Amino acid sequence: MSRLSKFVKSALLLGAVSVFMRTVSVVFNAYVAANIGADGMGLFSLINSVYIFAVTLAGSGINLAVTRLVTEAMAKNCDGGIIRAVKKCVVYALCFGGGAAILLFAFSDVLATKAIGEPEVSMCFRTLSAALPFIAVSNVFSGYFYAVRRSSKSAFSGAFEQFVKIGVTVFFLGRLCPLGAEYACLAIVLGMSISEGLSFSYLLLFYLADRKKHLHPSLCDSSSCGSVVSIALPIMLSSCLRSGLVTIEHMLIPRGLEKFGAGRTESLAAYGAVSGMAMPVLLFPSALCAVFSSLIIPELSELSARSDNIIKNDREICYMVRRACGAALLFGIGTAGIFVCFSKPLGLLIYKSATAGKYICMLAPLVPLMYLDMTVDGMLKGLGQQLYCMRVNILDAAVSILLVSVLLSKFGIAGYIACIYITETMNVALSVGRLLHITGARLMVFRRAVLPSLCIAGACSVSTLIIFPMSPSPLFSAVFGIFLCVLLYLFFLFATSALARDDAIWIKKLTSWR
């Protein structure tokens, strides 16, 4: 089995696990929302935005650092170098993870009072601080398993972590939820912290077992090893800049809604319905895009290297770009149509909330852009454009802050939705523009965008005419309606040649490892 074949097989395995875990996550998210309400989801989203920044500070870049250092040592057939690389990365992770934990614990009261506006959530930050060193070191072991092509251990560690988090959260929610939204959030963060600790233990045991089985320190016990700091620190700084801007944006949203005239509880409920309920549903199918992107990256990297980095107007690269963008648009447009058509039954089925369904419908037209952006981002990275992607992400976050500051106080939640539309459109335009510029590729707009839009419109129209008059429940409408809509959409795509036999052959070739 070739290196590429092994990669593809791993990517498909991780993709399958990712799709399964996203399904579990959406179901769990619905359970949490049913227990703590939209305002509780809004409050937790604010807590989580601060936590994500702390996680970025704790361990961003370390995964890539250990992967690169271990891969370099493997190329030299140096087992001693592999062990030394992992040790150096663990030390780095403990320093930054421990530092981030101390900072989050020390400033928990300030963050709770000044940033969130809820002094009681300081206990959530103190609880979450305990998880940061475990997260940082876990990233080291995950990077090691990716480097040695045994990524299934990392994937199953994530699954183990998710199920532990669900179990612990359900246990504490039943006891703490009656005490108020702050204590309900505490139940969730307890589940997060305990699961991270147990996941770390899982990975540590597997690393020690893997090291004993596969590594022999006597082989090339070299003291030379690349610098962890030079790899991880630049990534961490740029990631912290973007994450910090995103955190500021999220802090400003409830305040902007309050200036518009909404009360504190109403503001948190509106924010929670959009970010904590609607967006997870819209992003759920994107797991397939993530897998697709992971398959595209090595293909483009190989083609780029073969072309001596002269990628503009390279026939094979242009072909890959057209196919990949076309596949993302076909999938995204179809998914968007389904979300628009079945938003109400989905909102009632998942969250028992018509409000959630309303926001799913309002944001659904963005789905093709979001999915296309994910695919294009993967292709740009495959072509060595990581720095450009980072700049676009930072610009996106900065513009979001500006728009949130201006629009929310004047238009309320409609202003926030407009902000999402503007920034996502800008992001896609810049990314796609860059991709087309450096490759010279041309997109088949009519075949990949116009025809699929007409196809999904027809499929949704027929589905609603058949399903809705006979629909006894949201479950029936969602399940059978979506199933019928997908079948009709595929039929119309083939009938109009928007999707042809050569497309199916290309996807099969891309995902085949035999």
Protein backbone atom coordinates (compact mmCIF):
# COMPACT_ATOMS: atom_id res chain seq x y z
CA MET A 1 0.00 0.00 0.00
CA SER A 2 1.46 3.39 -1.05
CA ARG A 3 1.88 6.38 1.27
CA LEU A 4 -0.99 8.16 -0.48
CA SER A 5 -3.19 5.10 -0.20
CA LYS A 6 -2.48 4.83 3.53
CA PHE A 7 -3.30 8.51 3.91
CA VAL A 8 -6.58 8.16 2.06
CA LYS A 9 -7.54 5.14 4.12
CA SER A 10 -6.79 7.06 7.32
CA ALA A 11 -8.70 10.08 6.06
CA LEU A 12 -11.76 7.99 5.32
CA LEU A 13 -11.58 6.31 8.74
CA LEU A 14 -11.27 9.65 10.48
CA GLY A 15 -14.07 11.00 8.33
CA ALA A 16 -16.39 8.18 9.31
CA VAL A 17 -15.59 8.74 12.98
CA SER A 18 -16.06 12.50 12.50
CA VAL A 19 -19.50 12.07 10.91
CA PHE A 20 -20.57 9.71 13.69
CA MET A 21 -19.31 12.02 16.42
CA ARG A 22 -20.98 15.04 14.86
CA THR A 23 -24.24 13.11 14.88
CA VAL A 24 -23.76 12.31 18.54
CA SER A 25 -22.80 15.95 19.20
CA VAL A 26 -25.96 17.34 17.55
CA VAL A 27 -28.16 14.93 19.55
CA PHE A 28 -26.35 15.84 22.75
CA ASN A 29 -26.57 19.55 21.92
CA ALA A 30 -30.34 19.17 21.52
CA TYR A 31 -30.53 17.46 24.92
CA VAL A 32 -28.56 20.26 26.58
CA ALA A 33 -30.64 22.96 24.88
CA ALA A 34 -33.85 21.28 26.07
CA ASN A 35 -32.58 21.39 29.64
CA ILE A 36 -30.97 24.83 29.87
CA GLY A 37 -32.95 26.80 27.26
CA ALA A 38 -31.80 29.26 24.62
CA ASP A 39 -30.55 31.80 27.20
CA GLY A 40 -28.46 29.08 28.86
CA MET A 41 -27.04 28.13 25.46
CA GLY A 42 -26.16 31.77 24.88
CA LEU A 43 -24.38 32.00 28.23
CA PHE A 44 -22.47 28.79 27.58
CA SER A 45 -21.46 30.04 24.10
CA LEU A 46 -19.87 33.10 25.75
CA ILE A 47 -18.02 30.91 28.27
CA ASN A 48 -16.90 28.60 25.49
CA SER A 49 -15.53 31.45 23.37
CA VAL A 50 -13.19 32.45 26.23
CA TYR A 51 -12.29 28.80 26.77
CA ILE A 52 -11.40 28.34 23.08
CA PHE A 53 -9.00 31.27 23.32
CA ALA A 54 -7.38 29.68 26.38
CA VAL A 55 -7.11 26.34 24.56
CA THR A 56 -5.48 28.12 21.61
CA LEU A 57 -2.94 29.71 23.96
CA ALA A 58 -2.32 26.35 25.66
CA GLY A 59 -1.70 24.11 22.73
CA SER A 60 -2.04 25.71 19.31
CA GLY A 61 0.75 24.65 16.96
CA ILE A 62 2.08 21.83 19.13
CA ASN A 63 0.23 19.18 17.11
CA LEU A 64 1.92 20.32 13.90
CA ALA A 65 5.30 20.65 15.65
CA VAL A 66 5.36 17.08 16.96
CA THR A 67 4.09 15.73 13.63
CA ARG A 68 6.85 17.48 11.68
CA LEU A 69 9.64 16.58 14.14
CA VAL A 70 8.59 12.94 14.40
CA THR A 71 8.25 12.69 10.61
CA GLU A 72 11.77 14.10 10.15
CA ALA A 73 13.18 11.59 12.65
CA MET A 74 11.31 8.76 10.89
CA ALA A 75 12.84 9.81 7.56
CA LYS A 76 16.28 9.36 9.17
CA ASN A 77 15.20 6.02 10.69
CA CYS A 78 16.05 7.51 14.06
CA ASP A 79 13.89 6.08 16.88
CA GLY A 80 15.89 7.95 19.49
CA GLY A 81 15.10 11.19 17.67
CA ILE A 82 11.37 10.36 17.68
CA ILE A 83 11.37 9.82 21.46
CA ARG A 84 13.38 12.99 22.02
CA ALA A 85 11.01 15.00 19.81
CA VAL A 86 7.98 13.81 21.78
CA LYS A 87 9.67 14.65 25.10
CA LYS A 88 10.58 18.16 23.96
CA CYS A 89 7.02 18.74 22.76
CA VAL A 90 5.60 17.49 26.08
CA VAL A 91 7.79 20.00 27.95
CA TYR A 92 6.62 22.79 25.64
CA ALA A 93 2.98 21.72 26.08
CA LEU A 94 3.29 21.61 29.87
CA CYS A 95 4.82 25.12 29.92
CA PHE A 96 2.17 26.74 27.74
CA GLY A 97 -0.71 24.59 28.98
CA GLY A 98 0.22 25.25 32.59
CA GLY A 99 0.69 28.97 31.89
CA ALA A 100 -2.70 29.21 30.20
CA ALA A 101 -4.30 27.36 33.13
CA ILE A 102 -2.77 29.77 35.67
CA LEU A 103 -3.90 32.81 33.67
CA LEU A 104 -7.47 31.53 33.23
CA PHE A 105 -7.72 30.65 36.94
CA ALA A 106 -6.22 33.97 38.06
CA PHE A 107 -8.46 36.11 35.85
CA SER A 108 -11.62 34.03 36.23
CA ASP A 109 -13.37 36.65 38.37
CA VAL A 110 -12.44 39.49 36.00
CA LEU A 111 -13.59 37.54 32.94
CA ALA A 112 -16.86 36.53 34.59
CA THR A 113 -17.67 40.05 35.78
CA LYS A 114 -16.31 42.29 33.03
CA ALA A 115 -16.42 40.14 29.88
CA ILE A 116 -19.47 37.91 30.52
CA GLY A 117 -21.40 40.08 32.97
CA GLU A 118 -22.26 37.09 35.18
CA PRO A 119 -20.01 36.87 38.29
CA GLU A 120 -21.22 33.34 39.09
CA VAL A 121 -19.60 31.86 35.96
CA SER A 122 -16.13 32.41 37.46
CA MET A 123 -16.45 28.88 38.86
CA CYS A 124 -16.80 27.62 35.27
CA PHE A 125 -13.52 29.25 34.26
CA ARG A 126 -11.71 27.86 37.29
CA THR A 127 -13.02 24.38 36.47
CA LEU A 128 -12.01 24.68 32.81
CA SER A 129 -8.49 25.87 33.72
CA ALA A 130 -7.74 22.40 35.10
CA ALA A 131 -8.27 20.86 31.65
CA LEU A 132 -5.77 23.05 29.75
CA PRO A 133 -2.52 21.16 30.57
CA PHE A 134 -4.21 17.87 29.68
CA ILE A 135 -5.40 19.29 26.35
CA ALA A 136 -1.93 20.60 25.49
CA VAL A 137 -0.15 17.29 26.20
CA SER A 138 -2.91 15.29 24.49
CA ASN A 139 -2.18 17.31 21.34
CA VAL A 140 1.39 16.03 21.49
CA PHE A 141 0.33 12.38 21.56
CA SER A 142 -2.27 12.99 18.83
CA GLY A 143 0.39 14.57 16.62
CA TYR A 144 2.67 11.60 17.25
CA PHE A 145 0.00 9.10 16.16
CA TYR A 146 -0.72 11.11 13.01
CA ALA A 147 2.99 11.18 12.18
CA VAL A 148 3.46 7.41 12.59
CA ARG A 149 0.31 6.69 10.53
CA ARG A 150 -1.65 5.25 13.44
CA SER A 151 -4.22 8.02 13.59
CA SER A 152 -7.05 5.64 14.52
CA LYS A 153 -5.87 5.84 18.14
CA SER A 154 -6.42 9.62 18.12
CA ALA A 155 -9.80 9.21 16.45
CA PHE A 156 -11.02 6.71 19.00
CA SER A 157 -9.62 8.85 21.79
CA GLY A 158 -11.87 11.65 20.58
CA ALA A 159 -14.85 9.30 20.55
CA PHE A 160 -14.02 8.10 24.06
CA GLU A 161 -13.72 11.71 25.24
CA GLN A 162 -17.09 12.63 23.73
CA PHE A 163 -18.95 9.78 25.39
CA VAL A 164 -17.35 10.50 28.77
CA LYS A 165 -18.31 14.16 28.42
CA ILE A 166 -21.90 13.23 27.63
CA GLY A 167 -22.16 10.85 30.59
CA VAL A 168 -20.64 13.26 33.11
CA THR A 169 -22.65 16.22 31.80
CA VAL A 170 -25.95 14.32 31.97
CA PHE A 171 -25.11 13.25 35.54
CA PHE A 172 -24.36 16.78 36.75
CA LEU A 173 -27.10 18.49 34.73
CA GLY A 174 -29.78 16.59 36.62
CA ARG A 175 -28.37 17.89 39.90
CA LEU A 176 -27.21 21.41 39.06
CA CYS A 177 -29.66 22.59 36.40
CA PRO A 178 -32.44 23.49 38.92
CA LEU A 179 -30.02 25.93 40.58
CA GLY A 180 -29.91 28.26 37.54
CA ALA A 181 -28.24 28.79 34.15
CA GLU A 182 -24.80 29.41 35.70
CA TYR A 183 -24.86 26.05 37.47
CA ALA A 184 -26.17 24.35 34.34
CA CYS A 185 -23.10 25.71 32.51
CA LEU A 186 -20.96 24.41 35.37
CA ALA A 187 -22.37 20.93 34.75
CA ILE A 188 -21.31 21.15 31.09
CA VAL A 189 -17.79 22.37 31.86
CA LEU A 190 -17.37 19.64 34.49
CA GLY A 191 -18.11 17.14 31.74
CA MET A 192 -15.58 18.86 29.46
CA SER A 193 -12.80 18.97 32.07
CA ILE A 194 -13.19 15.41 33.34
CA SER A 195 -13.40 14.02 29.80
CA GLU A 196 -10.20 15.86 28.79
CA GLY A 197 -8.36 14.37 31.77
CA LEU A 198 -9.51 10.84 30.96
CA SER A 199 -8.77 11.30 27.25
CA PHE A 200 -5.22 12.34 28.19
CA SER A 201 -4.84 9.16 30.25
CA TYR A 202 -6.11 7.11 27.29
CA LEU A 203 -3.60 8.65 24.88
CA LEU A 204 -0.73 8.41 27.37
CA LEU A 205 -1.28 4.68 27.87
CA PHE A 206 -1.49 4.10 24.13
CA TYR A 207 1.65 6.16 23.52
CA LEU A 208 3.63 4.22 26.12
CA ALA A 209 2.42 0.92 24.65
CA ASP A 210 3.19 2.09 21.10
CA ARG A 211 6.64 3.30 22.11
CA LYS A 212 7.47 -0.02 23.76
CA LYS A 213 6.30 -1.97 20.72
CA HIS A 214 7.66 0.11 17.84
CA LEU A 215 10.50 2.35 19.09
CA HIS A 216 14.05 1.33 19.99
CA PRO A 217 15.98 4.21 21.57
CA SER A 218 19.30 2.57 20.76
CA LEU A 219 18.64 3.23 17.08
CA CYS A 220 20.12 6.65 16.31
CA ASP A 221 19.88 8.02 19.80
CA SER A 222 20.66 11.44 18.51
CA SER A 223 20.47 14.53 20.66
CA SER A 224 19.77 16.67 17.62
CA CYS A 225 16.16 17.58 17.13
CA GLY A 226 14.42 20.45 15.43
CA SER A 227 13.17 23.39 17.46
CA VAL A 228 9.67 23.03 18.83
CA VAL A 229 9.38 26.73 19.52
CA SER A 230 10.25 27.79 15.97
CA ILE A 231 7.40 25.64 14.59
CA ALA A 232 4.70 25.95 17.25
CA LEU A 233 5.12 29.53 18.48
CA PRO A 234 4.36 31.39 15.20
CA ILE A 235 1.24 29.25 14.70
CA MET A 236 0.19 29.83 18.30
CA LEU A 237 0.64 33.61 18.06
CA SER A 238 -1.34 33.92 14.82
CA SER A 239 -4.05 31.56 16.12
CA CYS A 240 -4.27 33.53 19.38
CA LEU A 241 -4.68 36.76 17.44
CA ARG A 242 -7.59 35.38 15.45
CA SER A 243 -9.10 33.55 18.44
CA GLY A 244 -8.79 36.70 20.56
CA LEU A 245 -10.61 38.76 17.93
CA VAL A 246 -13.37 36.13 17.67
CA THR A 247 -13.72 36.10 21.48
CA ILE A 248 -14.06 39.89 21.54
CA GLU A 249 -16.70 39.64 18.82
CA HIS A 250 -18.72 37.13 20.86
CA MET A 251 -18.48 39.31 23.98
CA LEU A 252 -19.84 42.27 22.04
CA ILE A 253 -22.90 40.46 20.64
CA PRO A 254 -25.09 40.34 23.82
CA ARG A 255 -24.05 43.90 24.68
CA GLY A 256 -25.05 45.07 21.20
CA LEU A 257 -28.41 43.31 21.50
CA GLU A 258 -28.98 45.00 24.87
CA LYS A 259 -28.26 48.41 23.30
CA PHE A 260 -30.85 47.59 20.67
CA GLY A 261 -33.38 47.33 23.49
CA ALA A 262 -33.44 43.63 24.34
CA GLY A 263 -33.14 42.50 27.94
CA ARG A 264 -30.19 40.47 29.20
CA THR A 265 -32.06 37.16 29.14
CA GLU A 266 -33.61 37.88 25.74
CA SER A 267 -30.20 38.83 24.30
CA LEU A 268 -28.59 35.62 25.54
CA ALA A 269 -31.54 33.60 24.21
CA ALA A 270 -31.27 35.14 20.73
CA TYR A 271 -27.50 34.65 20.64
CA GLY A 272 -27.85 31.09 21.94
CA ALA A 273 -30.49 30.23 19.33
CA VAL A 274 -28.18 31.34 16.50
CA SER A 275 -24.74 30.19 17.69
CA GLY A 276 -25.65 27.30 19.96
CA MET A 277 -28.63 25.81 18.12
CA ALA A 278 -28.89 26.84 14.44
CA MET A 279 -25.18 26.87 13.51
CA PRO A 280 -24.37 23.34 14.82
CA VAL A 281 -27.20 21.95 12.65
CA LEU A 282 -26.05 23.88 9.56
CA LEU A 283 -22.43 22.77 10.05
CA PHE A 284 -23.28 19.14 10.77
CA PRO A 285 -23.07 17.95 7.11
CA SER A 286 -19.77 19.82 6.71
CA ALA A 287 -18.00 16.80 8.23
CA LEU A 288 -18.11 15.34 4.72
CA CYS A 289 -16.46 18.51 3.37
CA ALA A 290 -13.73 18.20 5.98
CA VAL A 291 -13.02 14.64 4.84
CA PHE A 292 -13.08 15.72 1.21
CA SER A 293 -10.60 18.52 1.96
CA SER A 294 -8.26 16.10 3.71
CA LEU A 295 -8.27 13.97 0.55
CA ILE A 296 -7.64 16.95 -1.71
CA ILE A 297 -4.65 18.38 0.22
CA PRO A 298 -2.14 15.56 -0.52
CA GLU A 299 -3.31 15.32 -4.12
CA LEU A 300 -2.66 19.01 -4.76
CA SER A 301 0.59 18.96 -2.77
CA GLU A 302 1.87 16.11 -4.93
CA LEU A 303 0.80 17.83 -8.16
CA SER A 304 2.37 21.10 -7.02
CA ALA A 305 5.66 19.41 -6.16
CA ARG A 306 5.62 17.57 -9.50
CA SER A 307 5.18 20.90 -11.28
CA ASP A 308 8.19 22.43 -9.47
CA ASN A 309 5.80 24.83 -7.72
CA ILE A 310 4.82 26.40 -11.05
CA ILE A 311 1.15 25.76 -10.54
CA LYS A 312 -0.54 28.40 -12.69
CA ASN A 313 -2.27 26.91 -15.71
CA ASP A 314 -1.13 23.41 -14.77
CA ARG A 315 -3.72 21.21 -16.46
CA GLU A 316 -4.02 18.63 -13.70
CA ILE A 317 -4.23 21.22 -10.93
CA CYS A 318 -6.89 23.20 -12.79
CA TYR A 319 -8.83 19.98 -13.32
CA MET A 320 -8.65 19.18 -9.60
CA VAL A 321 -9.74 22.71 -8.61
CA ARG A 322 -12.75 22.67 -10.95
CA ARG A 323 -13.84 19.24 -9.76
CA ALA A 324 -13.42 19.99 -6.06
CA CYS A 325 -15.19 23.35 -6.17
CA GLY A 326 -17.96 21.83 -8.25
CA ALA A 327 -18.45 18.97 -5.78
CA ALA A 328 -18.56 21.43 -2.84
CA LEU A 329 -21.16 23.59 -4.60
CA LEU A 330 -23.32 20.61 -5.58
CA PHE A 331 -23.32 19.36 -2.00
CA GLY A 332 -23.70 22.79 -0.41
CA ILE A 333 -26.56 23.96 -2.65
CA GLY A 334 -28.48 20.73 -2.12
CA THR A 335 -27.96 20.90 1.65
CA ALA A 336 -29.01 24.56 1.75
CA GLY A 337 -32.24 23.81 -0.11
CA ILE A 338 -33.07 21.01 2.33
CA PHE A 339 -32.42 23.27 5.33
CA VAL A 340 -34.62 26.04 3.89
CA CYS A 341 -37.43 23.65 3.02
CA PHE A 342 -37.39 21.59 6.22
CA SER A 343 -36.14 24.18 8.73
CA LYS A 344 -39.35 24.23 10.76
CA PRO A 345 -39.66 20.44 11.26
CA LEU A 346 -35.90 20.23 11.97
CA GLY A 347 -36.13 22.96 14.62
CA LEU A 348 -39.10 21.25 16.26
CA LEU A 349 -37.58 17.78 15.97
CA ILE A 350 -34.10 18.60 17.30
CA TYR A 351 -34.77 21.44 19.75
CA LYS A 352 -38.57 21.55 20.06
CA SER A 353 -38.16 25.20 19.11
CA ALA A 354 -39.77 27.10 16.25
CA THR A 355 -37.25 29.91 16.86
CA ALA A 356 -34.33 27.58 16.14
CA GLY A 357 -36.07 26.53 12.93
CA LYS A 358 -36.49 30.17 11.93
CA TYR A 359 -32.76 30.85 12.32
CA ILE A 360 -31.86 27.66 10.45
CA CYS A 361 -33.96 28.93 7.56
CA MET A 362 -32.46 32.44 7.69
CA LEU A 363 -28.87 31.18 7.68
CA ALA A 364 -29.33 28.22 5.29
CA PRO A 365 -28.52 30.23 2.09
CA LEU A 366 -25.00 30.66 3.51
CA VAL A 367 -24.38 26.90 3.53
CA PRO A 368 -22.98 26.68 -0.05
CA LEU A 369 -20.54 29.49 0.73
CA MET A 370 -19.44 27.90 4.03
CA TYR A 371 -18.90 24.47 2.48
CA LEU A 372 -17.11 25.95 -0.54
CA ASP A 373 -14.89 27.96 1.81
CA MET A 374 -13.88 24.78 3.69
CA THR A 375 -12.94 23.03 0.46
CA VAL A 376 -11.07 26.02 -0.97
CA ASP A 377 -9.22 26.49 2.33
CA GLY A 378 -7.98 22.89 2.10
CA MET A 379 -6.86 23.38 -1.51
CA LEU A 380 -5.00 26.61 -0.69
CA LYS A 381 -3.15 24.84 2.11
CA GLY A 382 -2.32 21.98 -0.25
CA LEU A 383 -0.75 24.58 -2.56
CA GLY A 384 1.30 26.15 0.21
CA GLN A 385 -0.92 29.19 0.85
CA GLN A 386 -1.19 28.81 4.65
CA LEU A 387 -0.01 32.36 5.29
CA TYR A 388 -2.68 33.80 3.01
CA CYS A 389 -5.38 31.73 4.74
CA MET A 390 -4.22 33.04 8.11
CA ARG A 391 -4.40 36.65 6.90
CA VAL A 392 -7.93 36.15 5.55
CA ASN A 393 -9.07 34.61 8.85
CA ILE A 394 -7.64 37.51 10.86
CA LEU A 395 -9.23 40.05 8.50
CA ASP A 396 -12.54 38.17 8.79
CA ALA A 397 -12.44 38.38 12.60
CA ALA A 398 -11.50 42.08 12.58
CA VAL A 399 -14.30 42.99 10.14
CA SER A 400 -16.75 40.95 12.24
CA ILE A 401 -15.91 43.04 15.33
CA LEU A 402 -16.47 46.27 13.38
CA LEU A 403 -19.79 45.10 11.95
CA VAL A 404 -21.05 43.75 15.27
CA SER A 405 -20.23 47.09 16.93
CA VAL A 406 -22.16 49.01 14.27
CA LEU A 407 -25.07 46.78 13.25
CA LEU A 408 -26.31 45.10 16.43
CA SER A 409 -27.21 48.26 18.31
CA LYS A 410 -29.28 49.44 15.31
CA PHE A 411 -30.83 46.23 13.96
CA GLY A 412 -30.63 43.68 16.80
CA ILE A 413 -30.31 39.99 15.91
CA ALA A 414 -31.00 40.83 12.24
CA GLY A 415 -27.79 42.87 12.33
CA TYR A 416 -25.87 39.86 13.67
CA ILE A 417 -27.19 37.66 10.88
CA ALA A 418 -26.27 40.36 8.34
CA CYS A 419 -22.78 40.41 9.86
CA ILE A 420 -22.44 36.64 9.32
CA TYR A 421 -23.56 37.02 5.69
CA ILE A 422 -21.15 39.88 4.96
CA THR A 423 -18.06 38.28 6.53
CA GLU A 424 -18.68 34.83 5.07
CA THR A 425 -19.20 36.30 1.59
CA MET A 426 -16.01 38.35 1.94
CA ASN A 427 -14.07 35.30 3.16
CA VAL A 428 -15.22 33.13 0.26
CA ALA A 429 -14.60 35.85 -2.32
CA LEU A 430 -11.01 36.38 -1.13
CA SER A 431 -10.23 32.66 -0.86
CA VAL A 432 -11.78 31.65 -4.20
CA GLY A 433 -10.22 34.67 -5.89
CA ARG A 434 -6.80 33.69 -4.60
CA LEU A 435 -7.23 30.07 -5.68
CA LEU A 436 -8.30 31.00 -9.20
CA HIS A 437 -5.50 33.56 -9.47
CA ILE A 438 -2.67 31.20 -8.54
CA THR A 439 -3.98 28.24 -10.52
CA GLY A 440 -5.56 29.93 -13.54
CA ALA A 441 -8.58 27.63 -13.17
CA ARG A 442 -12.07 28.59 -14.31
CA LEU A 443 -15.22 27.48 -12.52
CA MET A 444 -18.21 26.06 -14.37
CA VAL A 445 -20.71 28.43 -12.75
CA PHE A 446 -23.77 27.49 -14.79
CA ARG A 447 -23.30 23.74 -14.47
CA ARG A 448 -22.15 23.73 -10.82
CA ALA A 449 -24.23 26.57 -9.34
CA VAL A 450 -27.17 27.62 -11.52
CA LEU A 451 -28.37 24.14 -12.57
CA PRO A 452 -28.05 22.64 -9.04
CA SER A 453 -30.04 25.58 -7.64
CA LEU A 454 -32.86 24.86 -10.10
CA CYS A 455 -32.62 21.13 -9.32
CA ILE A 456 -32.91 21.55 -5.55
CA ALA A 457 -35.74 24.06 -5.99
CA GLY A 458 -37.65 21.47 -8.03
CA ALA A 459 -36.84 18.66 -5.60
CA CYS A 460 -37.97 20.71 -2.58
CA SER A 461 -41.18 21.80 -4.31
CA VAL A 462 -42.19 18.24 -5.18
CA SER A 463 -41.20 16.94 -1.73
CA THR A 464 -43.22 19.53 0.15
CA LEU A 465 -46.27 18.98 -2.04
CA ILE A 466 -46.15 15.25 -1.26
CA ILE A 467 -44.96 15.19 2.35
CA PHE A 468 -46.43 18.23 4.10
CA PRO A 469 -50.14 17.52 3.38
CA MET A 470 -49.77 14.02 4.85
CA SER A 471 -47.29 14.95 7.59
CA PRO A 472 -48.45 13.79 11.01
CA SER A 473 -45.33 14.95 12.89
CA PRO A 474 -42.01 16.84 12.58
CA LEU A 475 -40.19 13.48 12.65
CA PHE A 476 -42.09 12.22 9.61
CA SER A 477 -41.64 15.50 7.74
CA ALA A 478 -37.93 15.70 8.43
CA VAL A 479 -36.94 12.07 7.83
CA PHE A 480 -39.14 11.13 4.89
CA GLY A 481 -39.20 14.61 3.39
CA ILE A 482 -35.41 14.91 3.36
CA PHE A 483 -35.02 11.37 2.02
CA LEU A 484 -37.40 12.06 -0.86
CA CYS A 485 -35.79 15.43 -1.52
CA VAL A 486 -32.30 13.89 -1.77
CA LEU A 487 -33.49 11.25 -4.23
CA LEU A 488 -35.23 13.85 -6.41
CA TYR A 489 -32.23 16.18 -6.25
CA LEU A 490 -29.89 13.43 -7.48
CA PHE A 491 -32.35 12.50 -10.22
CA PHE A 492 -32.60 16.10 -11.45
CA LEU A 493 -28.80 16.52 -11.31
CA PHE A 494 -28.25 13.54 -13.57
CA ALA A 495 -31.19 14.51 -15.81
CA THR A 496 -29.74 17.99 -16.39
CA SER A 497 -26.11 16.75 -16.59
CA ALA A 498 -25.19 18.94 -13.63
CA LEU A 499 -23.84 15.68 -12.23
CA ALA A 500 -22.43 13.29 -14.79
CA ARG A 501 -20.93 9.81 -14.77
CA ASP A 502 -17.40 11.21 -15.03
CA ASP A 503 -17.94 13.07 -11.72
CA ALA A 504 -18.80 9.83 -9.96
CA ILE A 505 -15.74 8.14 -11.50
CA TRP A 506 -13.48 10.96 -10.29
CA ILE A 507 -14.78 10.80 -6.71
CA LYS A 508 -14.43 7.01 -6.71
CA LYS A 509 -10.85 7.32 -7.97
CA LEU A 510 -10.05 9.93 -5.32
CA THR A 511 -11.37 7.81 -2.46
CA SER A 512 -10.07 4.46 -3.63
CA TRP A 513 -7.01 2.98 -1.99
CA ARG A 514 -6.92 -0.32 -3.78
